[in-house]
Amino acid sequence: MNSKLATTCFIIGTLLAPVAAYAADSATDTDHMHPKTFVKDSVITTKIKAKLADEKISSLAHIKVDTHSKGAVVLSGKVTTQEEADKAVAIARETEGVTSVKSKIQIKKED
């Protein structure tokens, strides 16, 4: 039993170490200096990407999602209609933990 617990703790520590190191190395503002904030922002990004993929609209799956300090989300990429861009923004705004959404999504008609 103790060996299972030790193995589990080792695996979790091994998986989280790169996240903590990345947060410390790439920090540009004081909020990202804390690994908890980085992990929280990563969770928000993951939730939004999953919701976009669930929409079954291929262009939404290609939207880039960046979450900055305190839940500020920036969406970028290309979609084929304004409705798709609006849908992506709505999905991001409805996601728990998001405080603001900035859209840099471009509308590009398919040829």
PDB file of N, CA and C in Angstrom:
ATOM      1  N   MET A   1       0.826  -1.192   0.000  1.00  0.00           N
ATOM      2  CA  MET A   1       0.000   0.000   0.000  1.00  0.00           C
ATOM      3  C   MET A   1       0.867   1.251   0.000  1.00  0.00           C
ATOM      4  N   ASN A   2       1.920   1.264   0.861  1.00  0.00           N
ATOM      5  CA  ASN A   2       2.794   2.420   0.920  1.00  0.00           C
ATOM      6  C   ASN A   2       3.570   2.610  -0.378  1.00  0.00           C
ATOM      7  N   SER A   3       3.919   1.523  -1.031  1.00  0.00           N
ATOM      8  CA  SER A   3       4.656   1.651  -2.287  1.00  0.00           C
ATOM      9  C   SER A   3       3.762   2.224  -3.386  1.00  0.00           C
ATOM     10  N   LYS A   4       2.469   1.882  -3.363  1.00  0.00           N
ATOM     11  CA  LYS A   4       1.536   2.461  -4.337  1.00  0.00           C
ATOM     12  C   LYS A   4       1.404   3.961  -4.121  1.00  0.00           C
ATOM     13  N   LEU A   5       1.295   4.381  -2.865  1.00  0.00           N
ATOM     14  CA  LEU A   5       1.183   5.789  -2.535  1.00  0.00           C
ATOM     15  C   LEU A   5       2.456   6.537  -2.941  1.00  0.00           C
ATOM     16  N   ALA A   6       3.599   5.965  -2.640  1.00  0.00           N
ATOM     17  CA  ALA A   6       4.870   6.590  -3.004  1.00  0.00           C
ATOM     18  C   ALA A   6       5.007   6.692  -4.519  1.00  0.00           C
ATOM     19  N   THR A   7       4.619   5.661  -5.236  1.00  0.00           N
ATOM     20  CA  THR A   7       4.685   5.666  -6.697  1.00  0.00           C
ATOM     21  C   THR A   7       3.753   6.720  -7.268  1.00  0.00           C
ATOM     22  N   THR A   8       2.538   6.799  -6.730  1.00  0.00           N
ATOM     23  CA  THR A   8       1.574   7.801  -7.192  1.00  0.00           C
ATOM     24  C   THR A   8       2.091   9.213  -6.958  1.00  0.00           C
ATOM     25  N   CYS A   9       2.627   9.471  -5.780  1.00  0.00           N
ATOM     26  CA  CYS A   9       3.181  10.799  -5.473  1.00  0.00           C
ATOM     27  C   CYS A   9       4.347  11.127  -6.399  1.00  0.00           C
ATOM     28  N   PHE A  10       5.179  10.157  -6.676  1.00  0.00           N
ATOM     29  CA  PHE A  10       6.318  10.372  -7.570  1.00  0.00           C
ATOM     30  C   PHE A  10       5.840  10.733  -8.971  1.00  0.00           C
ATOM     31  N   ILE A  11       4.852   9.998  -9.469  1.00  0.00           N
ATOM     32  CA  ILE A  11       4.335  10.251 -10.816  1.00  0.00           C
ATOM     33  C   ILE A  11       3.697  11.638 -10.889  1.00  0.00           C
ATOM     34  N   ILE A  12       2.879  11.989  -9.908  1.00  0.00           N
ATOM     35  CA  ILE A  12       2.244  13.309  -9.893  1.00  0.00           C
ATOM     36  C   ILE A  12       3.297  14.410  -9.830  1.00  0.00           C
ATOM     37  N   GLY A  13       4.294  14.232  -8.974  1.00  0.00           N
ATOM     38  CA  GLY A  13       5.368  15.221  -8.868  1.00  0.00           C
ATOM     39  C   GLY A  13       6.138  15.365 -10.163  1.00  0.00           C
ATOM     40  N   THR A  14       6.381  14.247 -10.823  1.00  0.00           N
ATOM     41  CA  THR A  14       7.099  14.265 -12.097  1.00  0.00           C
ATOM     42  C   THR A  14       6.293  14.993 -13.171  1.00  0.00           C
ATOM     43  N   LEU A  15       4.985  14.796 -13.181  1.00  0.00           N
ATOM     44  CA  LEU A  15       4.132  15.446 -14.182  1.00  0.00           C
ATOM     45  C   LEU A  15       3.963  16.942 -13.925  1.00  0.00           C
ATOM     46  N   LEU A  16       3.947  17.344 -12.677  1.00  0.00           N
ATOM     47  CA  LEU A  16       3.736  18.756 -12.350  1.00  0.00           C
ATOM     48  C   LEU A  16       5.017  19.585 -12.361  1.00  0.00           C
ATOM     49  N   ALA A  17       6.157  18.964 -12.237  1.00  0.00           N
ATOM     50  CA  ALA A  17       7.423  19.705 -12.197  1.00  0.00           C
ATOM     51  C   ALA A  17       7.644  20.555 -13.451  1.00  0.00           C
ATOM     52  N   PRO A  18       7.413  20.038 -14.667  1.00  0.00           N
ATOM     53  CA  PRO A  18       7.609  20.887 -15.849  1.00  0.00           C
ATOM     54  C   PRO A  18       6.663  22.081 -15.883  1.00  0.00           C
ATOM     55  N   VAL A  19       5.442  21.912 -15.397  1.00  0.00           N
ATOM     56  CA  VAL A  19       4.487  23.021 -15.366  1.00  0.00           C
ATOM     57  C   VAL A  19       5.005  24.118 -14.446  1.00  0.00           C
ATOM     58  N   ALA A  20       5.459  23.744 -13.274  1.00  0.00           N
ATOM     59  CA  ALA A  20       5.979  24.724 -12.321  1.00  0.00           C
ATOM     60  C   ALA A  20       7.238  25.390 -12.865  1.00  0.00           C
ATOM     61  N   ALA A  21       8.110  24.623 -13.487  1.00  0.00           N
ATOM     62  CA  ALA A  21       9.343  25.191 -14.036  1.00  0.00           C
ATOM     63  C   ALA A  21       9.033  26.137 -15.184  1.00  0.00           C
ATOM     64  N   TYR A  22       8.101  25.779 -16.055  1.00  0.00           N
ATOM     65  CA  TYR A  22       7.723  26.647 -17.173  1.00  0.00           C
ATOM     66  C   TYR A  22       7.119  27.941 -16.661  1.00  0.00           C
ATOM     67  N   ALA A  23       6.272  27.845 -15.651  1.00  0.00           N
ATOM     68  CA  ALA A  23       5.639  29.035 -15.091  1.00  0.00           C
ATOM     69  C   ALA A  23       6.689  29.978 -14.523  1.00  0.00           C
ATOM     70  N   ALA A  24       7.689  29.451 -13.874  1.00  0.00           N
ATOM     71  CA  ALA A  24       8.728  30.288 -13.282  1.00  0.00           C
ATOM     72  C   ALA A  24       9.654  30.866 -14.342  1.00  0.00           C
ATOM     73  N   ASP A  25       9.983  30.084 -15.364  1.00  0.00           N
ATOM     74  CA  ASP A  25      10.923  30.534 -16.382  1.00  0.00           C
ATOM     75  C   ASP A  25      10.338  31.557 -17.344  1.00  0.00           C
ATOM     76  N   SER A  26       9.064  31.418 -17.690  1.00  0.00           N
ATOM     77  CA  SER A  26       8.497  32.281 -18.717  1.00  0.00           C
ATOM     78  C   SER A  26       7.668  33.418 -18.143  1.00  0.00           C
ATOM     79  N   ALA A  27       7.750  33.639 -16.858  1.00  0.00           N
ATOM     80  CA  ALA A  27       6.923  34.665 -16.238  1.00  0.00           C
ATOM     81  C   ALA A  27       7.314  36.060 -16.714  1.00  0.00           C
ATOM     82  N   THR A  28       6.283  36.826 -17.110  1.00  0.00           N
ATOM     83  CA  THR A  28       6.520  38.203 -17.509  1.00  0.00           C
ATOM     84  C   THR A  28       5.817  39.173 -16.592  1.00  0.00           C
ATOM     85  N   ASP A  29       4.870  38.688 -15.811  1.00  0.00           N
ATOM     86  CA  ASP A  29       4.222  39.543 -14.826  1.00  0.00           C
ATOM     87  C   ASP A  29       4.157  38.781 -13.505  1.00  0.00           C
ATOM     88  N   THR A  30       3.807  39.481 -12.437  1.00  0.00           N
ATOM     89  CA  THR A  30       3.886  38.878 -11.109  1.00  0.00           C
ATOM     90  C   THR A  30       2.891  37.754 -10.908  1.00  0.00           C
ATOM     91  N   ASP A  31       1.731  37.767 -11.600  1.00  0.00           N
ATOM     92  CA  ASP A  31       0.752  36.705 -11.417  1.00  0.00           C
ATOM     93  C   ASP A  31       1.270  35.371 -11.920  1.00  0.00           C
ATOM     94  N   HIS A  32       2.000  35.367 -13.029  1.00  0.00           N
ATOM     95  CA  HIS A  32       2.507  34.113 -13.562  1.00  0.00           C
ATOM     96  C   HIS A  32       3.735  33.623 -12.806  1.00  0.00           C
ATOM     97  N   MET A  33       4.182  34.369 -11.828  1.00  0.00           N
ATOM     98  CA  MET A  33       5.295  33.909 -11.018  1.00  0.00           C
ATOM     99  C   MET A  33       4.835  32.773 -10.101  1.00  0.00           C
ATOM    100  N   HIS A  34       3.537  32.678  -9.873  1.00  0.00           N
ATOM    101  CA  HIS A  34       3.003  31.666  -8.981  1.00  0.00           C
ATOM    102  C   HIS A  34       2.479  30.480  -9.790  1.00  0.00           C
ATOM    103  N   PRO A  35       2.987  29.285  -9.537  1.00  0.00           N
ATOM    104  CA  PRO A  35       2.541  28.100 -10.287  1.00  0.00           C
ATOM    105  C   PRO A  35       1.033  27.863 -10.205  1.00  0.00           C
ATOM    106  N   LYS A  36       0.400  28.210  -9.076  1.00  0.00           N
ATOM    107  CA  LYS A  36      -1.043  28.018  -8.949  1.00  0.00           C
ATOM    108  C   LYS A  36      -1.799  28.819 -10.012  1.00  0.00           C
ATOM    109  N   THR A  37      -1.370  30.046 -10.255  1.00  0.00           N
ATOM    110  CA  THR A  37      -2.030  30.888 -11.254  1.00  0.00           C
ATOM    111  C   THR A  37      -1.828  30.306 -12.635  1.00  0.00           C
ATOM    112  N   PHE A  38      -0.625  29.838 -12.922  1.00  0.00           N
ATOM    113  CA  PHE A  38      -0.343  29.248 -14.233  1.00  0.00           C
ATOM    114  C   PHE A  38      -1.211  28.023 -14.464  1.00  0.00           C
ATOM    115  N   VAL A  39      -1.322  27.166 -13.458  1.00  0.00           N
ATOM    116  CA  VAL A  39      -2.125  25.953 -13.591  1.00  0.00           C
ATOM    117  C   VAL A  39      -3.589  26.324 -13.771  1.00  0.00           C
ATOM    118  N   LYS A  40      -4.083  27.312 -13.025  1.00  0.00           N
ATOM    119  CA  LYS A  40      -5.478  27.743 -13.150  1.00  0.00           C
ATOM    120  C   LYS A  40      -5.737  28.248 -14.569  1.00  0.00           C
ATOM    121  N   ASP A  41      -4.836  29.065 -15.096  1.00  0.00           N
ATOM    122  CA  ASP A  41      -4.994  29.586 -16.456  1.00  0.00           C
ATOM    123  C   ASP A  41      -4.933  28.458 -17.483  1.00  0.00           C
ATOM    124  N   SER A  42      -4.088  27.469 -17.254  1.00  0.00           N
ATOM    125  CA  SER A  42      -3.999  26.324 -18.157  1.00  0.00           C
ATOM    126  C   SER A  42      -5.298  25.523 -18.157  1.00  0.00           C
ATOM    127  N   VAL A  43      -5.923  25.412 -17.001  1.00  0.00           N
ATOM    128  CA  VAL A  43      -7.200  24.704 -16.904  1.00  0.00           C
ATOM    129  C   VAL A  43      -8.269  25.445 -17.696  1.00  0.00           C
ATOM    130  N   ILE A  44      -8.294  26.762 -17.596  1.00  0.00           N
ATOM    131  CA  ILE A  44      -9.264  27.560 -18.356  1.00  0.00           C
ATOM    132  C   ILE A  44      -9.043  27.348 -19.849  1.00  0.00           C
ATOM    133  N   THR A  45      -7.795  27.414 -20.295  1.00  0.00           N
ATOM    134  CA  THR A  45      -7.471  27.198 -21.705  1.00  0.00           C
ATOM    135  C   THR A  45      -7.956  25.825 -22.164  1.00  0.00           C
ATOM    136  N   THR A  46      -7.692  24.805 -21.372  1.00  0.00           N
ATOM    137  CA  THR A  46      -8.094  23.439 -21.723  1.00  0.00           C
ATOM    138  C   THR A  46      -9.608  23.307 -21.805  1.00  0.00           C
ATOM    139  N   LYS A  47     -10.322  23.914 -20.867  1.00  0.00           N
ATOM    140  CA  LYS A  47     -11.788  23.858 -20.884  1.00  0.00           C
ATOM    141  C   LYS A  47     -12.345  24.497 -22.151  1.00  0.00           C
ATOM    142  N   ILE A  48     -11.815  25.661 -22.523  1.00  0.00           N
ATOM    143  CA  ILE A  48     -12.305  26.358 -23.712  1.00  0.00           C
ATOM    144  C   ILE A  48     -12.010  25.538 -24.959  1.00  0.00           C
ATOM    145  N   LYS A  49     -10.793  25.015 -25.073  1.00  0.00           N
ATOM    146  CA  LYS A  49     -10.436  24.204 -26.248  1.00  0.00           C
ATOM    147  C   LYS A  49     -11.340  22.980 -26.367  1.00  0.00           C
ATOM    148  N   ALA A  50     -11.652  22.344 -25.252  1.00  0.00           N
ATOM    149  CA  ALA A  50     -12.533  21.167 -25.269  1.00  0.00           C
ATOM    150  C   ALA A  50     -13.930  21.547 -25.732  1.00  0.00           C
ATOM    151  N   LYS A  51     -14.437  22.676 -25.243  1.00  0.00           N
ATOM    152  CA  LYS A  51     -15.771  23.119 -25.649  1.00  0.00           C
ATOM    153  C   LYS A  51     -15.810  23.477 -27.132  1.00  0.00           C
ATOM    154  N   LEU A  52     -14.752  24.113 -27.633  1.00  0.00           N
ATOM    155  CA  LEU A  52     -14.682  24.447 -29.059  1.00  0.00           C
ATOM    156  C   LEU A  52     -14.665  23.179 -29.902  1.00  0.00           C
ATOM    157  N   ALA A  53     -13.923  22.177 -29.471  1.00  0.00           N
ATOM    158  CA  ALA A  53     -13.849  20.915 -30.208  1.00  0.00           C
ATOM    159  C   ALA A  53     -15.188  20.180 -30.193  1.00  0.00           C
ATOM    160  N   ASP A  54     -15.936  20.307 -29.109  1.00  0.00           N
ATOM    161  CA  ASP A  54     -17.237  19.647 -28.992  1.00  0.00           C
ATOM    162  C   ASP A  54     -18.280  20.214 -29.954  1.00  0.00           C
ATOM    163  N   GLU A  55     -18.047  21.400 -30.455  1.00  0.00           N
ATOM    164  CA  GLU A  55     -19.016  22.040 -31.347  1.00  0.00           C
ATOM    165  C   GLU A  55     -19.101  21.372 -32.708  1.00  0.00           C
ATOM    166  N   LYS A  56     -18.154  20.539 -33.041  1.00  0.00           N
ATOM    167  CA  LYS A  56     -18.133  19.819 -34.323  1.00  0.00           C
ATOM    168  C   LYS A  56     -18.087  20.760 -35.530  1.00  0.00           C
ATOM    169  N   ILE A  57     -17.521  21.944 -35.332  1.00  0.00           N
ATOM    170  CA  ILE A  57     -17.277  22.879 -36.429  1.00  0.00           C
ATOM    171  C   ILE A  57     -15.770  22.927 -36.596  1.00  0.00           C
ATOM    172  N   SER A  58     -15.281  22.448 -37.735  1.00  0.00           N
ATOM    173  CA  SER A  58     -13.842  22.226 -37.895  1.00  0.00           C
ATOM    174  C   SER A  58     -13.007  23.478 -37.651  1.00  0.00           C
ATOM    175  N   SER A  59     -13.460  24.632 -38.068  1.00  0.00           N
ATOM    176  CA  SER A  59     -12.633  25.830 -37.890  1.00  0.00           C
ATOM    177  C   SER A  59     -12.512  26.229 -36.423  1.00  0.00           C
ATOM    178  N   LEU A  60     -13.490  25.904 -35.596  1.00  0.00           N
ATOM    179  CA  LEU A  60     -13.401  26.234 -34.170  1.00  0.00           C
ATOM    180  C   LEU A  60     -12.314  25.419 -33.475  1.00  0.00           C
ATOM    181  N   ALA A  61     -12.074  24.232 -33.953  1.00  0.00           N
ATOM    182  CA  ALA A  61     -11.044  23.385 -33.348  1.00  0.00           C
ATOM    183  C   ALA A  61      -9.647  23.943 -33.594  1.00  0.00           C
ATOM    184  N   HIS A  62      -9.511  24.839 -34.557  1.00  0.00           N
ATOM    185  CA  HIS A  62      -8.203  25.402 -34.888  1.00  0.00           C
ATOM    186  C   HIS A  62      -7.957  26.770 -34.260  1.00  0.00           C
ATOM    187  N   ILE A  63      -8.867  27.237 -33.449  1.00  0.00           N
ATOM    188  CA  ILE A  63      -8.698  28.535 -32.796  1.00  0.00           C
ATOM    189  C   ILE A  63      -7.679  28.394 -31.668  1.00  0.00           C
ATOM    190  N   LYS A  64      -6.764  29.334 -31.611  1.00  0.00           N
ATOM    191  CA  LYS A  64      -5.750  29.350 -30.555  1.00  0.00           C
ATOM    192  C   LYS A  64      -6.333  30.075 -29.339  1.00  0.00           C
ATOM    193  N   VAL A  65      -6.145  29.485 -28.171  1.00  0.00           N
ATOM    194  CA  VAL A  65      -6.655  30.046 -26.923  1.00  0.00           C
ATOM    195  C   VAL A  65      -5.486  30.315 -25.993  1.00  0.00           C
ATOM    196  N   ASP A  66      -5.325  31.570 -25.595  1.00  0.00           N
ATOM    197  CA  ASP A  66      -4.298  31.937 -24.621  1.00  0.00           C
ATOM    198  C   ASP A  66      -4.995  32.543 -23.411  1.00  0.00           C
ATOM    199  N   THR A  67      -4.687  32.031 -22.239  1.00  0.00           N
ATOM    200  CA  THR A  67      -5.248  32.580 -21.014  1.00  0.00           C
ATOM    201  C   THR A  67      -4.123  33.253 -20.248  1.00  0.00           C
ATOM    202  N   HIS A  68      -4.330  34.527 -19.973  1.00  0.00           N
ATOM    203  CA  HIS A  68      -3.337  35.312 -19.253  1.00  0.00           C
ATOM    204  C   HIS A  68      -3.787  35.480 -17.802  1.00  0.00           C
ATOM    205  N   SER A  69      -3.109  36.309 -17.093  1.00  0.00           N
ATOM    206  CA  SER A  69      -3.349  36.452 -15.662  1.00  0.00           C
ATOM    207  C   SER A  69      -4.809  36.707 -15.332  1.00  0.00           C
ATOM    208  N   LYS A  70      -5.242  36.048 -14.299  1.00  0.00           N
ATOM    209  CA  LYS A  70      -6.575  36.221 -13.726  1.00  0.00           C
ATOM    210  C   LYS A  70      -7.706  35.967 -14.707  1.00  0.00           C
ATOM    211  N   GLY A  71      -7.543  35.010 -15.616  1.00  0.00           N
ATOM    212  CA  GLY A  71      -8.633  34.581 -16.475  1.00  0.00           C
ATOM    213  C   GLY A  71      -8.887  35.414 -17.714  1.00  0.00           C
ATOM    214  N   ALA A  72      -7.952  36.267 -18.108  1.00  0.00           N
ATOM    215  CA  ALA A  72      -8.105  37.055 -19.335  1.00  0.00           C
ATOM    216  C   ALA A  72      -7.751  36.170 -20.527  1.00  0.00           C
ATOM    217  N   VAL A  73      -8.707  35.968 -21.427  1.00  0.00           N
ATOM    218  CA  VAL A  73      -8.546  35.042 -22.547  1.00  0.00           C
ATOM    219  C   VAL A  73      -8.394  35.822 -23.853  1.00  0.00           C
ATOM    220  N   VAL A  74      -7.459  35.364 -24.693  1.00  0.00           N
ATOM    221  CA  VAL A  74      -7.274  35.918 -26.034  1.00  0.00           C
ATOM    222  C   VAL A  74      -7.475  34.784 -27.028  1.00  0.00           C
ATOM    223  N   LEU A  75      -8.421  34.995 -27.959  1.00  0.00           N
ATOM    224  CA  LEU A  75      -8.691  34.009 -29.004  1.00  0.00           C
ATOM    225  C   LEU A  75      -8.088  34.509 -30.308  1.00  0.00           C
ATOM    226  N   SER A  76      -7.449  33.624 -31.062  1.00  0.00           N
ATOM    227  CA  SER A  76      -6.900  34.004 -32.363  1.00  0.00           C
ATOM    228  C   SER A  76      -7.026  32.823 -33.315  1.00  0.00           C
ATOM    229  N   GLY A  77      -6.887  33.114 -34.586  1.00  0.00           N
ATOM    230  CA  GLY A  77      -7.003  32.088 -35.603  1.00  0.00           C
ATOM    231  C   GLY A  77      -7.936  32.538 -36.706  1.00  0.00           C
ATOM    232  N   LYS A  78      -8.336  31.607 -37.544  1.00  0.00           N
ATOM    233  CA  LYS A  78      -9.190  31.935 -38.684  1.00  0.00           C
ATOM    234  C   LYS A  78     -10.413  31.035 -38.694  1.00  0.00           C
ATOM    235  N   VAL A  79     -11.561  31.640 -38.989  1.00  0.00           N
ATOM    236  CA  VAL A  79     -12.818  30.913 -39.154  1.00  0.00           C
ATOM    237  C   VAL A  79     -13.432  31.359 -40.473  1.00  0.00           C
ATOM    238  N   THR A  80     -14.473  30.662 -40.909  1.00  0.00           N
ATOM    239  CA  THR A  80     -15.059  30.972 -42.212  1.00  0.00           C
ATOM    240  C   THR A  80     -16.230  31.948 -42.145  1.00  0.00           C
ATOM    241  N   THR A  81     -16.857  32.104 -40.967  1.00  0.00           N
ATOM    242  CA  THR A  81     -17.991  33.022 -40.855  1.00  0.00           C
ATOM    243  C   THR A  81     -17.916  33.838 -39.566  1.00  0.00           C
ATOM    244  N   GLN A  82     -18.622  34.955 -39.559  1.00  0.00           N
ATOM    245  CA  GLN A  82     -18.708  35.779 -38.352  1.00  0.00           C
ATOM    246  C   GLN A  82     -19.440  35.012 -37.247  1.00  0.00           C
ATOM    247  N   GLU A  83     -20.403  34.186 -37.625  1.00  0.00           N
ATOM    248  CA  GLU A  83     -21.138  33.394 -36.639  1.00  0.00           C
ATOM    249  C   GLU A  83     -20.211  32.446 -35.885  1.00  0.00           C
ATOM    250  N   GLU A  84     -19.253  31.866 -36.585  1.00  0.00           N
ATOM    251  CA  GLU A  84     -18.287  30.974 -35.931  1.00  0.00           C
ATOM    252  C   GLU A  84     -17.418  31.757 -34.951  1.00  0.00           C
ATOM    253  N   ALA A  85     -16.999  32.945 -35.354  1.00  0.00           N
ATOM    254  CA  ALA A  85     -16.194  33.789 -34.464  1.00  0.00           C
ATOM    255  C   ALA A  85     -16.996  34.169 -33.226  1.00  0.00           C
ATOM    256  N   ASP A  86     -18.264  34.547 -33.439  1.00  0.00           N
ATOM    257  CA  ASP A  86     -19.130  34.912 -32.316  1.00  0.00           C
ATOM    258  C   ASP A  86     -19.361  33.730 -31.385  1.00  0.00           C
ATOM    259  N   LYS A  87     -19.501  32.539 -31.956  1.00  0.00           N
ATOM    260  CA  LYS A  87     -19.708  31.324 -31.164  1.00  0.00           C
ATOM    261  C   LYS A  87     -18.483  31.047 -30.287  1.00  0.00           C
ATOM    262  N   ALA A  88     -17.296  31.206 -30.855  1.00  0.00           N
ATOM    263  CA  ALA A  88     -16.068  30.978 -30.089  1.00  0.00           C
ATOM    264  C   ALA A  88     -15.968  31.953 -28.917  1.00  0.00           C
ATOM    265  N   VAL A  89     -16.294  33.213 -29.163  1.00  0.00           N
ATOM    266  CA  VAL A  89     -16.252  34.223 -28.096  1.00  0.00           C
ATOM    267  C   VAL A  89     -17.279  33.892 -27.019  1.00  0.00           C
ATOM    268  N   ALA A  90     -18.482  33.481 -27.428  1.00  0.00           N
ATOM    269  CA  ALA A  90     -19.529  33.135 -26.465  1.00  0.00           C
ATOM    270  C   ALA A  90     -19.107  31.948 -25.604  1.00  0.00           C
ATOM    271  N   ILE A  91     -18.518  30.950 -26.224  1.00  0.00           N
ATOM    272  CA  ILE A  91     -18.050  29.771 -25.484  1.00  0.00           C
ATOM    273  C   ILE A  91     -17.005  30.186 -24.452  1.00  0.00           C
ATOM    274  N   ALA A  92     -16.069  31.027 -24.864  1.00  0.00           N
ATOM    275  CA  ALA A  92     -15.026  31.472 -23.932  1.00  0.00           C
ATOM    276  C   ALA A  92     -15.632  32.262 -22.771  1.00  0.00           C
ATOM    277  N   ARG A  93     -16.550  33.170 -23.081  1.00  0.00           N
ATOM    278  CA  ARG A  93     -17.168  33.993 -22.026  1.00  0.00           C
ATOM    279  C   ARG A  93     -17.952  33.152 -21.022  1.00  0.00           C
ATOM    280  N   GLU A  94     -18.558  32.065 -21.489  1.00  0.00           N
ATOM    281  CA  GLU A  94     -19.384  31.217 -20.618  1.00  0.00           C
ATOM    282  C   GLU A  94     -18.555  30.261 -19.765  1.00  0.00           C
ATOM    283  N   THR A  95     -17.257  30.194 -20.009  1.00  0.00           N
ATOM    284  CA  THR A  95     -16.403  29.250 -19.289  1.00  0.00           C
ATOM    285  C   THR A  95     -16.065  29.784 -17.901  1.00  0.00           C
ATOM    286  N   GLU A  96     -16.195  28.908 -16.920  1.00  0.00           N
ATOM    287  CA  GLU A  96     -15.911  29.288 -15.536  1.00  0.00           C
ATOM    288  C   GLU A  96     -14.469  29.758 -15.383  1.00  0.00           C
ATOM    289  N   GLY A  97     -14.279  30.863 -14.683  1.00  0.00           N
ATOM    290  CA  GLY A  97     -12.948  31.395 -14.422  1.00  0.00           C
ATOM    291  C   GLY A  97     -12.510  32.476 -15.388  1.00  0.00           C
ATOM    292  N   VAL A  98     -13.237  32.647 -16.495  1.00  0.00           N
ATOM    293  CA  VAL A  98     -12.880  33.655 -17.487  1.00  0.00           C
ATOM    294  C   VAL A  98     -13.384  35.021 -17.013  1.00  0.00           C
ATOM    295  N   THR A  99     -12.478  35.997 -17.006  1.00  0.00           N
ATOM    296  CA  THR A  99     -12.852  37.349 -16.579  1.00  0.00           C
ATOM    297  C   THR A  99     -13.031  38.298 -17.754  1.00  0.00           C
ATOM    298  N   SER A 100     -12.341  38.038 -18.871  1.00  0.00           N
ATOM    299  CA  SER A 100     -12.501  38.852 -20.069  1.00  0.00           C
ATOM    300  C   SER A 100     -12.078  38.047 -21.286  1.00  0.00           C
ATOM    301  N   VAL A 101     -12.623  38.440 -22.457  1.00  0.00           N
ATOM    302  CA  VAL A 101     -12.295  37.759 -23.699  1.00  0.00           C
ATOM    303  C   VAL A 101     -11.957  38.805 -24.751  1.00  0.00           C
ATOM    304  N   LYS A 102     -10.793  38.649 -25.376  1.00  0.00           N
ATOM    305  CA  LYS A 102     -10.386  39.504 -26.488  1.00  0.00           C
ATOM    306  C   LYS A 102     -10.286  38.618 -27.725  1.00  0.00           C
ATOM    307  N   SER A 103     -10.962  39.027 -28.779  1.00  0.00           N
ATOM    308  CA  SER A 103     -10.961  38.228 -30.002  1.00  0.00           C
ATOM    309  C   SER A 103     -10.040  38.843 -31.049  1.00  0.00           C
ATOM    310  N   LYS A 104      -9.115  38.032 -31.517  1.00  0.00           N
ATOM    311  CA  LYS A 104      -8.262  38.392 -32.653  1.00  0.00           C
ATOM    312  C   LYS A 104      -8.540  37.431 -33.807  1.00  0.00           C
ATOM    313  N   ILE A 105      -9.752  36.869 -33.805  1.00  0.00           N
ATOM    314  CA  ILE A 105     -10.144  35.886 -34.811  1.00  0.00           C
ATOM    315  C   ILE A 105     -10.387  36.599 -36.138  1.00  0.00           C
ATOM    316  N   GLN A 106      -9.857  36.022 -37.188  1.00  0.00           N
ATOM    317  CA  GLN A 106     -10.025  36.578 -38.528  1.00  0.00           C
ATOM    318  C   GLN A 106     -11.048  35.741 -39.310  1.00  0.00           C
ATOM    319  N   ILE A 107     -11.856  36.428 -40.122  1.00  0.00           N
ATOM    320  CA  ILE A 107     -12.820  35.742 -40.981  1.00  0.00           C
ATOM    321  C   ILE A 107     -12.152  35.541 -42.339  1.00  0.00           C
ATOM    322  N   LYS A 108     -12.043  34.291 -42.738  1.00  0.00           N
ATOM    323  CA  LYS A 108     -11.430  33.989 -44.024  1.00  0.00           C
ATOM    324  C   LYS A 108     -12.313  33.003 -44.760  1.00  0.00           C
ATOM    325  N   LYS A 109     -12.857  33.437 -45.846  1.00  0.00           N
ATOM    326  CA  LYS A 109     -13.731  32.578 -46.650  1.00  0.00           C
ATOM    327  C   LYS A 109     -12.910  31.471 -47.278  1.00  0.00           C
ATOM    328  N   GLU A 110     -13.490  30.257 -47.275  1.00  0.00           N
ATOM    329  CA  GLU A 110     -12.808  29.128 -47.930  1.00  0.00           C
ATOM    330  C   GLU A 110     -12.917  29.294 -49.429  1.00  0.00           C
ATOM    331  N   ASP A 111     -11.868  28.921 -50.149  1.00  0.00           N
ATOM    332  CA  ASP A 111     -11.858  29.047 -51.602  1.00  0.00           C
ATOM    333  C   ASP A 111     -12.537  27.867 -52.258  1.00  0.00           C
TER     334      ASP A 111
END
